[in-house]
Amino acid sequence: MHIIKRYGNRKLYDTEKSRYVALADVAALVREGHQVQVLDAQNVDITAQILAQIIVEEQKGEGRGLSVDLLHDLVRAGGEAVTQKVRHVQAGVEHWINKSLERINPVREAKREMAHLKERLEQLEASIEELEQQESPRQSPK
């Protein structure tokens, strides 16, 4: 775990790398899969505030922000809101995937059946053609 200290001058210091870092550096560490803990000058854990600040700064830079509805929900519900929203979205995605699979499976089965029927039709056509060829020599012109 990377311990990041935030000093009174608001500078961030990575204790593992022994150097000052920017918010973008902390974001990069998180994206790389590292856990970070940010402590202020009094050793109070301010990780959540720094991560939230990273999200806000990145949203500003992209020219688009979080939806107003989501921000309202976050303010109303507090810290647990994000976890609940993620669970809700995850459940919705899983439900959508399951429903899609339910719709796709009959189509797959129908496609297999169509391929089988096509094969049978080709066999029947070949049999009919063979019978027609056998009948042709028997019929003589009168």
C-alpha atoms as a PDB file:
ATOM      1  CA  MET A   1       0.000   0.000   0.000  1.00  0.00           C
ATOM      2  CA  HIS A   2       1.288   3.426  -0.939  1.00  0.00           C
ATOM      3  CA  ILE A   3       1.137   5.874   1.935  1.00  0.00           C
ATOM      4  CA  ILE A   4       0.703   9.417   0.680  1.00  0.00           C
ATOM      5  CA  LYS A   5       1.112  12.321   3.087  1.00  0.00           C
ATOM      6  CA  ARG A   6      -0.650  15.617   2.486  1.00  0.00           C
ATOM      7  CA  TYR A   7       1.138  18.442   4.195  1.00  0.00           C
ATOM      8  CA  GLY A   8      -0.262  21.760   5.384  1.00  0.00           C
ATOM      9  CA  ASN A   9       0.786  23.358   2.104  1.00  0.00           C
ATOM     10  CA  ARG A  10      -1.551  20.821   0.375  1.00  0.00           C
ATOM     11  CA  LYS A  11       1.344  19.070  -1.342  1.00  0.00           C
ATOM     12  CA  LEU A  12       1.149  15.292  -1.624  1.00  0.00           C
ATOM     13  CA  TYR A  13       4.210  13.200  -0.760  1.00  0.00           C
ATOM     14  CA  ASP A  14       4.581   9.519  -1.694  1.00  0.00           C
ATOM     15  CA  THR A  15       6.469   7.967   1.228  1.00  0.00           C
ATOM     16  CA  GLU A  16       7.355   4.827  -0.752  1.00  0.00           C
ATOM     17  CA  LYS A  17       8.966   6.708  -3.651  1.00  0.00           C
ATOM     18  CA  SER A  18      10.207   9.571  -1.444  1.00  0.00           C
ATOM     19  CA  ARG A  19       8.942  12.281  -3.762  1.00  0.00           C
ATOM     20  CA  TYR A  20       6.147  14.787  -4.172  1.00  0.00           C
ATOM     21  CA  VAL A  21       3.283  13.656  -6.386  1.00  0.00           C
ATOM     22  CA  ALA A  22       0.293  15.263  -8.080  1.00  0.00           C
ATOM     23  CA  LEU A  23      -3.316  14.070  -8.016  1.00  0.00           C
ATOM     24  CA  ALA A  24      -2.740  12.558 -11.464  1.00  0.00           C
ATOM     25  CA  ASP A  25       0.096  10.450 -10.030  1.00  0.00           C
ATOM     26  CA  VAL A  26      -2.160   9.144  -7.260  1.00  0.00           C
ATOM     27  CA  ALA A  27      -4.835   8.364  -9.872  1.00  0.00           C
ATOM     28  CA  ALA A  28      -2.249   6.483 -11.946  1.00  0.00           C
ATOM     29  CA  LEU A  29      -1.257   4.390  -8.925  1.00  0.00           C
ATOM     30  CA  VAL A  30      -4.888   3.428  -8.336  1.00  0.00           C
ATOM     31  CA  ARG A  31      -5.399   2.569 -12.023  1.00  0.00           C
ATOM     32  CA  GLU A  32      -2.315   0.353 -11.888  1.00  0.00           C
ATOM     33  CA  GLY A  33      -4.009  -1.606  -9.109  1.00  0.00           C
ATOM     34  CA  HIS A  34      -2.179  -0.163  -6.111  1.00  0.00           C
ATOM     35  CA  GLN A  35      -3.968   0.612  -2.880  1.00  0.00           C
ATOM     36  CA  VAL A  36      -3.279   4.083  -1.548  1.00  0.00           C
ATOM     37  CA  GLN A  37      -3.863   5.682   1.805  1.00  0.00           C
ATOM     38  CA  VAL A  38      -3.666   9.440   2.127  1.00  0.00           C
ATOM     39  CA  LEU A  39      -2.945  10.907   5.545  1.00  0.00           C
ATOM     40  CA  ASP A  40      -3.010  14.572   6.486  1.00  0.00           C
ATOM     41  CA  ALA A  41      -0.450  16.333   8.697  1.00  0.00           C
ATOM     42  CA  GLN A  42      -2.216  14.981  11.819  1.00  0.00           C
ATOM     43  CA  ASN A  43      -2.247  11.410  10.386  1.00  0.00           C
ATOM     44  CA  VAL A  44      -6.003  11.528   9.770  1.00  0.00           C
ATOM     45  CA  ASP A  45      -7.044   9.292   6.868  1.00  0.00           C
ATOM     46  CA  ILE A  46      -8.314  11.536   4.054  1.00  0.00           C
ATOM     47  CA  THR A  47      -8.165   8.907   1.296  1.00  0.00           C
ATOM     48  CA  ALA A  48     -11.862   9.194   0.428  1.00  0.00           C
ATOM     49  CA  GLN A  49     -11.628  12.974   0.004  1.00  0.00           C
ATOM     50  CA  ILE A  50      -8.554  12.718  -2.229  1.00  0.00           C
ATOM     51  CA  LEU A  51     -10.120   9.994  -4.399  1.00  0.00           C
ATOM     52  CA  ALA A  52     -13.293  12.080  -4.715  1.00  0.00           C
ATOM     53  CA  GLN A  53     -11.157  15.083  -5.657  1.00  0.00           C
ATOM     54  CA  ILE A  54      -9.444  12.995  -8.356  1.00  0.00           C
ATOM     55  CA  ILE A  55     -12.829  12.039  -9.809  1.00  0.00           C
ATOM     56  CA  VAL A  56     -14.032  15.651  -9.813  1.00  0.00           C
ATOM     57  CA  GLU A  57     -10.812  16.955 -11.384  1.00  0.00           C
ATOM     58  CA  GLU A  58     -10.870  14.300 -14.101  1.00  0.00           C
ATOM     59  CA  GLN A  59     -14.510  15.018 -14.887  1.00  0.00           C
ATOM     60  CA  LYS A  60     -13.693  18.715 -15.266  1.00  0.00           C
ATOM     61  CA  GLY A  61     -10.834  17.935 -17.616  1.00  0.00           C
ATOM     62  CA  GLU A  62     -13.012  15.775 -19.850  1.00  0.00           C
ATOM     63  CA  GLY A  63     -15.573  18.521 -20.241  1.00  0.00           C
ATOM     64  CA  ARG A  64     -18.355  16.353 -18.869  1.00  0.00           C
ATOM     65  CA  GLY A  65     -19.368  15.816 -15.310  1.00  0.00           C
ATOM     66  CA  LEU A  66     -21.288  13.363 -13.268  1.00  0.00           C
ATOM     67  CA  SER A  67     -25.017  13.498 -13.840  1.00  0.00           C
ATOM     68  CA  VAL A  68     -26.922  15.973 -11.717  1.00  0.00           C
ATOM     69  CA  ASP A  69     -29.254  13.191 -10.562  1.00  0.00           C
ATOM     70  CA  LEU A  70     -26.299  11.124  -9.367  1.00  0.00           C
ATOM     71  CA  LEU A  71     -24.832  14.106  -7.513  1.00  0.00           C
ATOM     72  CA  HIS A  72     -28.188  14.767  -5.821  1.00  0.00           C
ATOM     73  CA  ASP A  73     -28.406  11.119  -4.788  1.00  0.00           C
ATOM     74  CA  LEU A  74     -24.863  11.208  -3.408  1.00  0.00           C
ATOM     75  CA  VAL A  75     -25.579  14.288  -1.310  1.00  0.00           C
ATOM     76  CA  ARG A  76     -28.866  12.834  -0.035  1.00  0.00           C
ATOM     77  CA  ALA A  77     -27.577   9.390   0.826  1.00  0.00           C
ATOM     78  CA  GLY A  78     -24.037  10.100   1.932  1.00  0.00           C
ATOM     79  CA  GLY A  79     -21.073   7.737   1.577  1.00  0.00           C
ATOM     80  CA  GLU A  80     -23.092   4.553   1.198  1.00  0.00           C
ATOM     81  CA  ALA A  81     -24.784   5.926  -1.927  1.00  0.00           C
ATOM     82  CA  VAL A  82     -21.997   5.027  -4.330  1.00  0.00           C
ATOM     83  CA  THR A  83     -21.893   1.442  -3.092  1.00  0.00           C
ATOM     84  CA  GLN A  84     -25.659   1.147  -3.413  1.00  0.00           C
ATOM     85  CA  LYS A  85     -25.625   2.690  -6.895  1.00  0.00           C
ATOM     86  CA  VAL A  86     -22.879   0.323  -8.032  1.00  0.00           C
ATOM     87  CA  ARG A  87     -24.806  -2.674  -6.684  1.00  0.00           C
ATOM     88  CA  HIS A  88     -27.973  -1.436  -8.380  1.00  0.00           C
ATOM     89  CA  VAL A  89     -26.208  -0.933 -11.712  1.00  0.00           C
ATOM     90  CA  GLN A  90     -24.474  -4.305 -11.409  1.00  0.00           C
ATOM     91  CA  ALA A  91     -27.785  -6.054 -10.704  1.00  0.00           C
ATOM     92  CA  GLY A  92     -29.356  -4.254 -13.660  1.00  0.00           C
ATOM     93  CA  VAL A  93     -26.550  -5.293 -15.995  1.00  0.00           C
ATOM     94  CA  GLU A  94     -26.741  -8.912 -14.814  1.00  0.00           C
ATOM     95  CA  HIS A  95     -30.518  -8.896 -15.321  1.00  0.00           C
ATOM     96  CA  TRP A  96     -30.108  -7.432 -18.828  1.00  0.00           C
ATOM     97  CA  ILE A  97     -27.489 -10.050 -19.735  1.00  0.00           C
ATOM     98  CA  ASN A  98     -29.702 -12.895 -18.487  1.00  0.00           C
ATOM     99  CA  LYS A  99     -32.723 -11.570 -20.398  1.00  0.00           C
ATOM    100  CA  SER A 100     -30.613 -11.187 -23.540  1.00  0.00           C
ATOM    101  CA  LEU A 101     -29.370 -14.759 -23.225  1.00  0.00           C
ATOM    102  CA  GLU A 102     -32.949 -15.960 -22.759  1.00  0.00           C
ATOM    103  CA  ARG A 103     -33.860 -14.249 -26.043  1.00  0.00           C
ATOM    104  CA  ILE A 104     -30.770 -15.445 -27.889  1.00  0.00           C
ATOM    105  CA  ASN A 105     -30.969 -19.134 -26.926  1.00  0.00           C
ATOM    106  CA  PRO A 106     -34.205 -19.831 -28.870  1.00  0.00           C
ATOM    107  CA  VAL A 107     -32.699 -18.059 -31.887  1.00  0.00           C
ATOM    108  CA  ARG A 108     -29.612 -20.261 -31.665  1.00  0.00           C
ATOM    109  CA  GLU A 109     -31.795 -23.361 -31.475  1.00  0.00           C
ATOM    110  CA  ALA A 110     -33.870 -22.182 -34.456  1.00  0.00           C
ATOM    111  CA  LYS A 111     -30.678 -21.559 -36.428  1.00  0.00           C
ATOM    112  CA  ARG A 112     -29.476 -25.108 -35.712  1.00  0.00           C
ATOM    113  CA  GLU A 113     -32.869 -26.504 -36.731  1.00  0.00           C
ATOM    114  CA  MET A 114     -32.816 -24.438 -39.953  1.00  0.00           C
ATOM    115  CA  ALA A 115     -29.368 -25.797 -40.822  1.00  0.00           C
ATOM    116  CA  HIS A 116     -30.628 -29.342 -40.216  1.00  0.00           C
ATOM    117  CA  LEU A 117     -33.729 -28.730 -42.358  1.00  0.00           C
ATOM    118  CA  LYS A 118     -31.595 -27.246 -45.132  1.00  0.00           C
ATOM    119  CA  GLU A 119     -29.425 -30.341 -45.107  1.00  0.00           C
ATOM    120  CA  ARG A 120     -32.511 -32.599 -45.275  1.00  0.00           C
ATOM    121  CA  LEU A 121     -33.968 -30.506 -48.112  1.00  0.00           C
ATOM    122  CA  GLU A 122     -30.744 -30.835 -50.093  1.00  0.00           C
ATOM    123  CA  GLN A 123     -30.851 -34.616 -49.562  1.00  0.00           C
ATOM    124  CA  LEU A 124     -34.469 -34.749 -50.740  1.00  0.00           C
ATOM    125  CA  GLU A 125     -33.687 -32.646 -53.811  1.00  0.00           C
ATOM    126  CA  ALA A 126     -30.800 -34.966 -54.654  1.00  0.00           C
ATOM    127  CA  SER A 127     -33.079 -38.003 -54.257  1.00  0.00           C
ATOM    128  CA  ILE A 128     -35.761 -36.462 -56.488  1.00  0.00           C
ATOM    129  CA  GLU A 129     -33.183 -35.580 -59.129  1.00  0.00           C
ATOM    130  CA  GLU A 130     -31.860 -39.140 -59.032  1.00  0.00           C
ATOM    131  CA  LEU A 131     -35.388 -40.545 -59.422  1.00  0.00           C
ATOM    132  CA  GLU A 132     -36.073 -38.192 -62.334  1.00  0.00           C
ATOM    133  CA  GLN A 133     -32.901 -39.334 -64.071  1.00  0.00           C
ATOM    134  CA  GLN A 134     -33.878 -42.978 -63.584  1.00  0.00           C
ATOM    135  CA  GLU A 135     -37.335 -42.280 -65.062  1.00  0.00           C
ATOM    136  CA  SER A 136     -36.011 -40.410 -68.112  1.00  0.00           C
ATOM    137  CA  PRO A 137     -34.416 -43.378 -69.901  1.00  0.00           C
ATOM    138  CA  ARG A 138     -37.517 -45.550 -69.327  1.00  0.00           C
ATOM    139  CA  GLN A 139     -39.773 -43.107 -71.092  1.00  0.00           C
ATOM    140  CA  SER A 140     -39.283 -43.418 -74.796  1.00  0.00           C
ATOM    141  CA  PRO A 141     -40.749 -40.971 -77.301  1.00  0.00           C
ATOM    142  CA  LYS A 142     -43.805 -42.325 -79.175  1.00  0.00           C
END
